[in-house]
């Protein structure tokens, strides 16, 4: 059972239910992948909604590693999911929402996701 307070989600990947969470280390990996200067810039990048298949694999891989799995982004990209590309995007969306939250007031969005 995922711990929502820790930003954990579960997703069916590769034929089994797996836990994903973006830890501080996972977020640092994603900052490097997206060449983001900080977490606010990273959150803003995610907020564009424009992610490539490589980006989806990076986020899923980081989430799996954050939950303790030993897996590369390439291996994560090879995990099958029912529903195809839309399901990969939904998993990433759910993970990012669990990590950064959703529905912030417009004033808070202007100041960053952590206000």
N, C-alpha and C. Protein backbone atom coordinates (compact mmCIF):
# COMPACT_ATOMS: atom_id res chain seq x y z
N UNK A 1 0.85 -1.18 0.00
CA UNK A 1 0.00 0.00 0.00
C UNK A 1 0.89 1.24 0.00
N UNK A 2 0.68 2.14 -0.96
CA UNK A 2 1.52 3.33 -1.02
C UNK A 2 1.20 4.30 0.11
N UNK A 3 2.20 5.02 0.55
CA UNK A 3 2.04 6.04 1.57
C UNK A 3 1.94 7.40 0.88
N UNK A 4 0.71 7.90 0.73
CA UNK A 4 0.47 9.15 0.02
C UNK A 4 1.20 10.33 0.67
N UNK A 5 1.37 10.29 1.97
CA UNK A 5 2.07 11.39 2.66
C UNK A 5 3.53 11.48 2.25
N UNK A 6 4.08 10.36 1.80
CA UNK A 6 5.47 10.34 1.33
C UNK A 6 5.55 10.54 -0.17
N UNK A 7 4.41 10.72 -0.83
CA UNK A 7 4.41 10.91 -2.27
C UNK A 7 4.50 9.63 -3.06
N UNK A 8 4.17 8.52 -2.42
CA UNK A 8 4.25 7.22 -3.09
C UNK A 8 2.98 6.94 -3.88
N UNK A 9 3.16 6.24 -5.00
CA UNK A 9 2.05 5.71 -5.77
C UNK A 9 2.36 4.26 -6.11
N UNK A 10 1.37 3.53 -6.58
CA UNK A 10 1.62 2.21 -7.15
C UNK A 10 1.13 2.23 -8.59
N UNK A 11 1.78 1.42 -9.42
CA UNK A 11 1.41 1.31 -10.82
C UNK A 11 1.72 -0.10 -11.30
N UNK A 12 0.91 -0.60 -12.20
CA UNK A 12 1.17 -1.90 -12.81
C UNK A 12 2.14 -1.71 -13.97
N UNK A 13 3.36 -2.16 -13.76
CA UNK A 13 4.42 -2.05 -14.76
C UNK A 13 5.10 -3.40 -14.90
N UNK A 14 5.28 -3.84 -16.12
CA UNK A 14 5.97 -5.10 -16.34
C UNK A 14 5.23 -6.30 -15.77
N UNK A 15 3.93 -6.21 -15.72
CA UNK A 15 3.13 -7.34 -15.27
C UNK A 15 2.95 -7.48 -13.78
N UNK A 16 3.40 -6.48 -13.02
CA UNK A 16 3.18 -6.53 -11.57
C UNK A 16 3.05 -5.13 -10.99
N UNK A 17 2.46 -5.08 -9.82
CA UNK A 17 2.27 -3.80 -9.14
C UNK A 17 3.61 -3.37 -8.54
N UNK A 18 3.98 -2.13 -8.80
CA UNK A 18 5.25 -1.60 -8.30
C UNK A 18 4.99 -0.26 -7.61
N UNK A 19 5.82 0.01 -6.60
CA UNK A 19 5.75 1.28 -5.88
C UNK A 19 6.72 2.25 -6.52
N UNK A 20 6.32 3.51 -6.63
CA UNK A 20 7.17 4.58 -7.15
C UNK A 20 7.12 5.75 -6.19
N UNK A 21 8.24 6.40 -5.98
CA UNK A 21 8.31 7.61 -5.16
C UNK A 21 9.52 8.43 -5.62
N UNK A 22 9.34 9.73 -5.67
CA UNK A 22 10.45 10.61 -6.03
C UNK A 22 11.07 11.14 -4.74
N UNK A 23 12.20 10.55 -4.37
CA UNK A 23 12.96 10.98 -3.21
C UNK A 23 13.82 12.18 -3.60
N UNK A 24 14.50 12.76 -2.64
CA UNK A 24 15.40 13.86 -2.95
C UNK A 24 16.46 13.44 -3.97
N UNK A 25 16.98 12.23 -3.81
CA UNK A 25 17.97 11.72 -4.77
C UNK A 25 17.38 11.54 -6.15
N UNK A 26 16.14 11.05 -6.21
CA UNK A 26 15.46 10.89 -7.50
C UNK A 26 15.23 12.24 -8.17
N UNK A 27 14.83 13.21 -7.37
CA UNK A 27 14.62 14.56 -7.92
C UNK A 27 15.92 15.16 -8.42
N UNK A 28 17.03 14.89 -7.73
CA UNK A 28 18.34 15.37 -8.18
C UNK A 28 18.69 14.73 -9.53
N UNK A 29 18.38 13.44 -9.70
CA UNK A 29 18.59 12.77 -10.98
C UNK A 29 17.80 13.47 -12.08
N UNK A 30 16.54 13.79 -11.76
CA UNK A 30 15.68 14.42 -12.76
C UNK A 30 16.13 15.85 -13.07
N UNK A 31 16.65 16.56 -12.08
CA UNK A 31 17.21 17.89 -12.34
C UNK A 31 18.32 17.77 -13.38
N UNK A 32 19.18 16.77 -13.23
CA UNK A 32 20.27 16.57 -14.19
C UNK A 32 19.73 16.18 -15.56
N UNK A 33 18.77 15.27 -15.59
CA UNK A 33 18.19 14.82 -16.87
C UNK A 33 17.58 15.98 -17.63
N UNK A 34 16.82 16.83 -16.93
CA UNK A 34 16.13 17.94 -17.57
C UNK A 34 16.96 19.21 -17.61
N UNK A 35 18.20 19.14 -17.10
CA UNK A 35 19.10 20.29 -17.02
C UNK A 35 18.42 21.47 -16.33
N UNK A 36 17.74 21.17 -15.24
CA UNK A 36 17.04 22.18 -14.44
C UNK A 36 17.98 22.68 -13.35
N UNK A 37 17.93 23.97 -13.09
CA UNK A 37 18.80 24.57 -12.08
C UNK A 37 18.36 24.30 -10.66
N UNK A 38 17.06 24.05 -10.46
CA UNK A 38 16.55 23.81 -9.12
C UNK A 38 15.18 23.13 -9.22
N UNK A 39 14.59 22.84 -8.06
CA UNK A 39 13.31 22.13 -8.04
C UNK A 39 12.17 22.96 -8.62
N UNK A 40 12.21 24.27 -8.44
CA UNK A 40 11.17 25.12 -9.00
C UNK A 40 11.21 25.04 -10.53
N UNK A 41 12.40 25.13 -11.10
CA UNK A 41 12.55 25.02 -12.55
C UNK A 41 12.10 23.64 -13.03
N UNK A 42 12.42 22.61 -12.26
CA UNK A 42 11.99 21.25 -12.61
C UNK A 42 10.46 21.15 -12.60
N UNK A 43 9.84 21.67 -11.56
CA UNK A 43 8.37 21.64 -11.47
C UNK A 43 7.74 22.43 -12.62
N UNK A 44 8.33 23.56 -12.97
CA UNK A 44 7.83 24.35 -14.09
C UNK A 44 7.94 23.57 -15.39
N UNK A 45 9.03 22.85 -15.56
CA UNK A 45 9.22 22.02 -16.77
C UNK A 45 8.13 20.96 -16.84
N UNK A 46 7.84 20.32 -15.72
CA UNK A 46 6.79 19.31 -15.71
C UNK A 46 5.43 19.95 -15.99
N UNK A 47 5.26 21.17 -15.54
CA UNK A 47 3.99 21.87 -15.71
C UNK A 47 3.65 22.18 -17.16
N UNK A 48 4.62 22.12 -18.06
CA UNK A 48 4.35 22.38 -19.47
C UNK A 48 3.54 21.26 -20.09
N UNK A 49 3.63 20.06 -19.50
CA UNK A 49 2.91 18.91 -20.04
C UNK A 49 3.55 18.34 -21.29
N UNK A 50 4.71 18.83 -21.66
CA UNK A 50 5.40 18.36 -22.86
C UNK A 50 6.57 17.47 -22.45
N UNK A 51 6.33 16.17 -22.45
CA UNK A 51 7.37 15.21 -22.08
C UNK A 51 7.51 14.18 -23.20
N UNK A 52 8.75 13.89 -23.56
CA UNK A 52 9.03 12.88 -24.57
C UNK A 52 8.95 11.49 -23.95
N UNK A 53 9.00 10.48 -24.77
CA UNK A 53 9.03 9.10 -24.27
C UNK A 53 10.27 8.90 -23.40
N UNK A 54 11.38 9.48 -23.77
CA UNK A 54 12.60 9.40 -22.97
C UNK A 54 12.39 10.06 -21.61
N UNK A 55 11.69 11.18 -21.60
CA UNK A 55 11.39 11.87 -20.35
C UNK A 55 10.51 11.00 -19.45
N UNK A 56 9.48 10.38 -20.05
CA UNK A 56 8.60 9.50 -19.27
C UNK A 56 9.39 8.37 -18.65
N UNK A 57 10.29 7.76 -19.43
CA UNK A 57 11.12 6.67 -18.92
C UNK A 57 12.02 7.15 -17.79
N UNK A 58 12.55 8.38 -17.90
CA UNK A 58 13.41 8.93 -16.85
C UNK A 58 12.64 9.13 -15.55
N UNK A 59 11.42 9.65 -15.64
CA UNK A 59 10.62 9.88 -14.44
C UNK A 59 10.20 8.55 -13.82
N UNK A 60 9.76 7.61 -14.64
CA UNK A 60 9.37 6.29 -14.11
C UNK A 60 10.58 5.59 -13.50
N UNK A 61 11.72 5.63 -14.19
CA UNK A 61 12.93 5.02 -13.65
C UNK A 61 13.33 5.64 -12.32
N UNK A 62 13.29 6.96 -12.24
CA UNK A 62 13.64 7.66 -11.00
C UNK A 62 12.67 7.29 -9.89
N UNK A 63 11.39 7.18 -10.22
CA UNK A 63 10.39 6.80 -9.22
C UNK A 63 10.59 5.39 -8.71
N UNK A 64 10.94 4.48 -9.60
CA UNK A 64 11.20 3.10 -9.18
C UNK A 64 12.46 3.02 -8.33
N UNK A 65 13.51 3.73 -8.72
CA UNK A 65 14.74 3.74 -7.92
C UNK A 65 14.50 4.38 -6.56
N UNK A 66 13.68 5.44 -6.54
CA UNK A 66 13.35 6.09 -5.27
C UNK A 66 12.64 5.13 -4.32
N UNK A 67 11.92 4.17 -4.88
CA UNK A 67 11.22 3.18 -4.07
C UNK A 67 12.09 1.97 -3.76
N UNK A 68 13.35 1.99 -4.21
CA UNK A 68 14.28 0.94 -3.84
C UNK A 68 14.62 -0.08 -4.92
N UNK A 69 14.06 0.05 -6.10
CA UNK A 69 14.38 -0.90 -7.17
C UNK A 69 15.72 -0.54 -7.79
N UNK A 70 16.42 -1.56 -8.26
CA UNK A 70 17.66 -1.36 -9.00
C UNK A 70 17.30 -1.53 -10.46
N UNK A 71 17.14 -0.41 -11.16
CA UNK A 71 16.68 -0.43 -12.54
C UNK A 71 17.21 0.80 -13.26
N UNK A 72 17.56 0.62 -14.51
CA UNK A 72 18.01 1.76 -15.33
C UNK A 72 16.81 2.37 -16.04
N UNK A 73 16.99 3.57 -16.56
CA UNK A 73 15.92 4.19 -17.33
C UNK A 73 15.60 3.33 -18.56
N UNK A 74 16.61 2.76 -19.15
CA UNK A 74 16.40 1.90 -20.33
C UNK A 74 15.55 0.69 -19.96
N UNK A 75 15.85 0.07 -18.82
CA UNK A 75 15.04 -1.07 -18.37
C UNK A 75 13.62 -0.63 -18.03
N UNK A 76 13.49 0.54 -17.41
CA UNK A 76 12.16 1.06 -17.09
C UNK A 76 11.36 1.29 -18.37
N UNK A 77 12.02 1.75 -19.42
CA UNK A 77 11.34 2.00 -20.69
C UNK A 77 10.84 0.71 -21.32
N UNK A 78 11.42 -0.41 -20.96
CA UNK A 78 11.01 -1.69 -21.53
C UNK A 78 9.89 -2.37 -20.75
N UNK A 79 9.50 -1.81 -19.61
CA UNK A 79 8.41 -2.39 -18.83
C UNK A 79 7.08 -2.13 -19.55
N UNK A 80 6.33 -3.19 -19.75
CA UNK A 80 5.05 -3.03 -20.44
C UNK A 80 4.00 -2.50 -19.48
N UNK A 81 3.01 -1.83 -20.05
CA UNK A 81 1.90 -1.31 -19.27
C UNK A 81 0.64 -1.42 -20.12
N UNK A 82 -0.44 -1.88 -19.50
CA UNK A 82 -1.70 -1.97 -20.23
C UNK A 82 -2.20 -0.56 -20.52
N UNK A 83 -2.56 -0.32 -21.75
CA UNK A 83 -3.06 1.00 -22.13
C UNK A 83 -2.07 1.83 -22.91
N UNK A 84 -0.87 1.33 -23.09
CA UNK A 84 0.11 2.00 -23.93
C UNK A 84 0.58 3.34 -23.43
N UNK A 85 0.90 4.20 -24.39
CA UNK A 85 1.52 5.50 -24.10
C UNK A 85 0.69 6.35 -23.13
N UNK A 86 -0.62 6.30 -23.27
CA UNK A 86 -1.47 7.09 -22.38
C UNK A 86 -1.31 6.63 -20.93
N UNK A 87 -1.11 5.35 -20.72
CA UNK A 87 -0.93 4.84 -19.36
C UNK A 87 0.41 5.25 -18.78
N UNK A 88 1.46 5.25 -19.61
CA UNK A 88 2.76 5.74 -19.12
C UNK A 88 2.63 7.20 -18.68
N UNK A 89 1.96 8.00 -19.50
CA UNK A 89 1.77 9.41 -19.18
C UNK A 89 0.95 9.59 -17.90
N UNK A 90 -0.06 8.74 -17.70
CA UNK A 90 -0.89 8.82 -16.49
C UNK A 90 -0.06 8.47 -15.27
N UNK A 91 0.79 7.46 -15.36
CA UNK A 91 1.65 7.07 -14.24
C UNK A 91 2.55 8.25 -13.85
N UNK A 92 3.17 8.87 -14.85
CA UNK A 92 4.05 10.01 -14.59
C UNK A 92 3.24 11.16 -13.98
N UNK A 93 2.08 11.42 -14.52
CA UNK A 93 1.24 12.49 -13.98
C UNK A 93 0.86 12.22 -12.53
N UNK A 94 0.47 10.99 -12.23
CA UNK A 94 0.12 10.62 -10.86
C UNK A 94 1.31 10.79 -9.92
N UNK A 95 2.50 10.38 -10.38
CA UNK A 95 3.70 10.48 -9.55
C UNK A 95 4.07 11.94 -9.30
N UNK A 96 4.00 12.75 -10.34
CA UNK A 96 4.33 14.17 -10.18
C UNK A 96 3.32 14.88 -9.30
N UNK A 97 2.06 14.52 -9.42
CA UNK A 97 1.03 15.11 -8.56
C UNK A 97 1.27 14.71 -7.11
N UNK A 98 1.63 13.45 -6.88
CA UNK A 98 1.91 12.98 -5.52
C UNK A 98 3.13 13.70 -4.93
N UNK A 99 4.08 14.05 -5.79
CA UNK A 99 5.31 14.69 -5.34
C UNK A 99 5.15 16.18 -5.14
N UNK A 100 4.58 16.85 -6.13
CA UNK A 100 4.52 18.31 -6.11
C UNK A 100 3.16 18.85 -5.70
N UNK A 101 2.14 18.00 -5.65
CA UNK A 101 0.80 18.45 -5.31
C UNK A 101 0.08 19.00 -6.52
N UNK A 102 -1.19 19.30 -6.33
CA UNK A 102 -2.01 19.84 -7.42
C UNK A 102 -3.02 20.79 -6.83
N UNK A 103 -3.55 21.63 -7.68
CA UNK A 103 -4.62 22.53 -7.26
C UNK A 103 -4.17 23.68 -6.39
N UNK A 104 -2.91 24.09 -6.52
CA UNK A 104 -2.43 25.22 -5.72
C UNK A 104 -3.11 26.49 -6.19
N UNK A 105 -3.24 27.42 -5.28
CA UNK A 105 -3.83 28.72 -5.62
C UNK A 105 -2.95 29.44 -6.62
N UNK A 106 -3.53 30.29 -7.50
CA UNK A 106 -2.72 30.99 -8.49
C UNK A 106 -1.56 31.76 -7.88
N UNK A 107 -1.75 32.38 -6.70
CA UNK A 107 -0.65 33.13 -6.07
C UNK A 107 0.50 32.20 -5.71
N UNK A 108 0.17 30.99 -5.25
CA UNK A 108 1.20 30.04 -4.87
C UNK A 108 1.94 29.54 -6.10
N UNK A 109 1.24 29.32 -7.20
CA UNK A 109 1.89 28.86 -8.43
C UNK A 109 2.89 29.89 -8.91
N UNK A 110 2.57 31.16 -8.77
CA UNK A 110 3.48 32.20 -9.24
C UNK A 110 4.76 32.22 -8.44
N UNK A 111 4.69 31.81 -7.17
CA UNK A 111 5.87 31.82 -6.31
C UNK A 111 6.60 30.50 -6.30
N UNK A 112 6.05 29.47 -6.91
CA UNK A 112 6.68 28.16 -6.95
C UNK A 112 5.82 27.11 -6.28
N UNK A 113 6.14 25.84 -6.50
CA UNK A 113 5.30 24.76 -6.02
C UNK A 113 5.39 24.49 -4.52
N UNK A 114 6.33 25.11 -3.82
CA UNK A 114 6.56 24.77 -2.43
C UNK A 114 6.02 25.82 -1.47
N UNK A 115 5.25 26.77 -1.97
CA UNK A 115 4.68 27.83 -1.13
C UNK A 115 3.44 27.33 -0.44
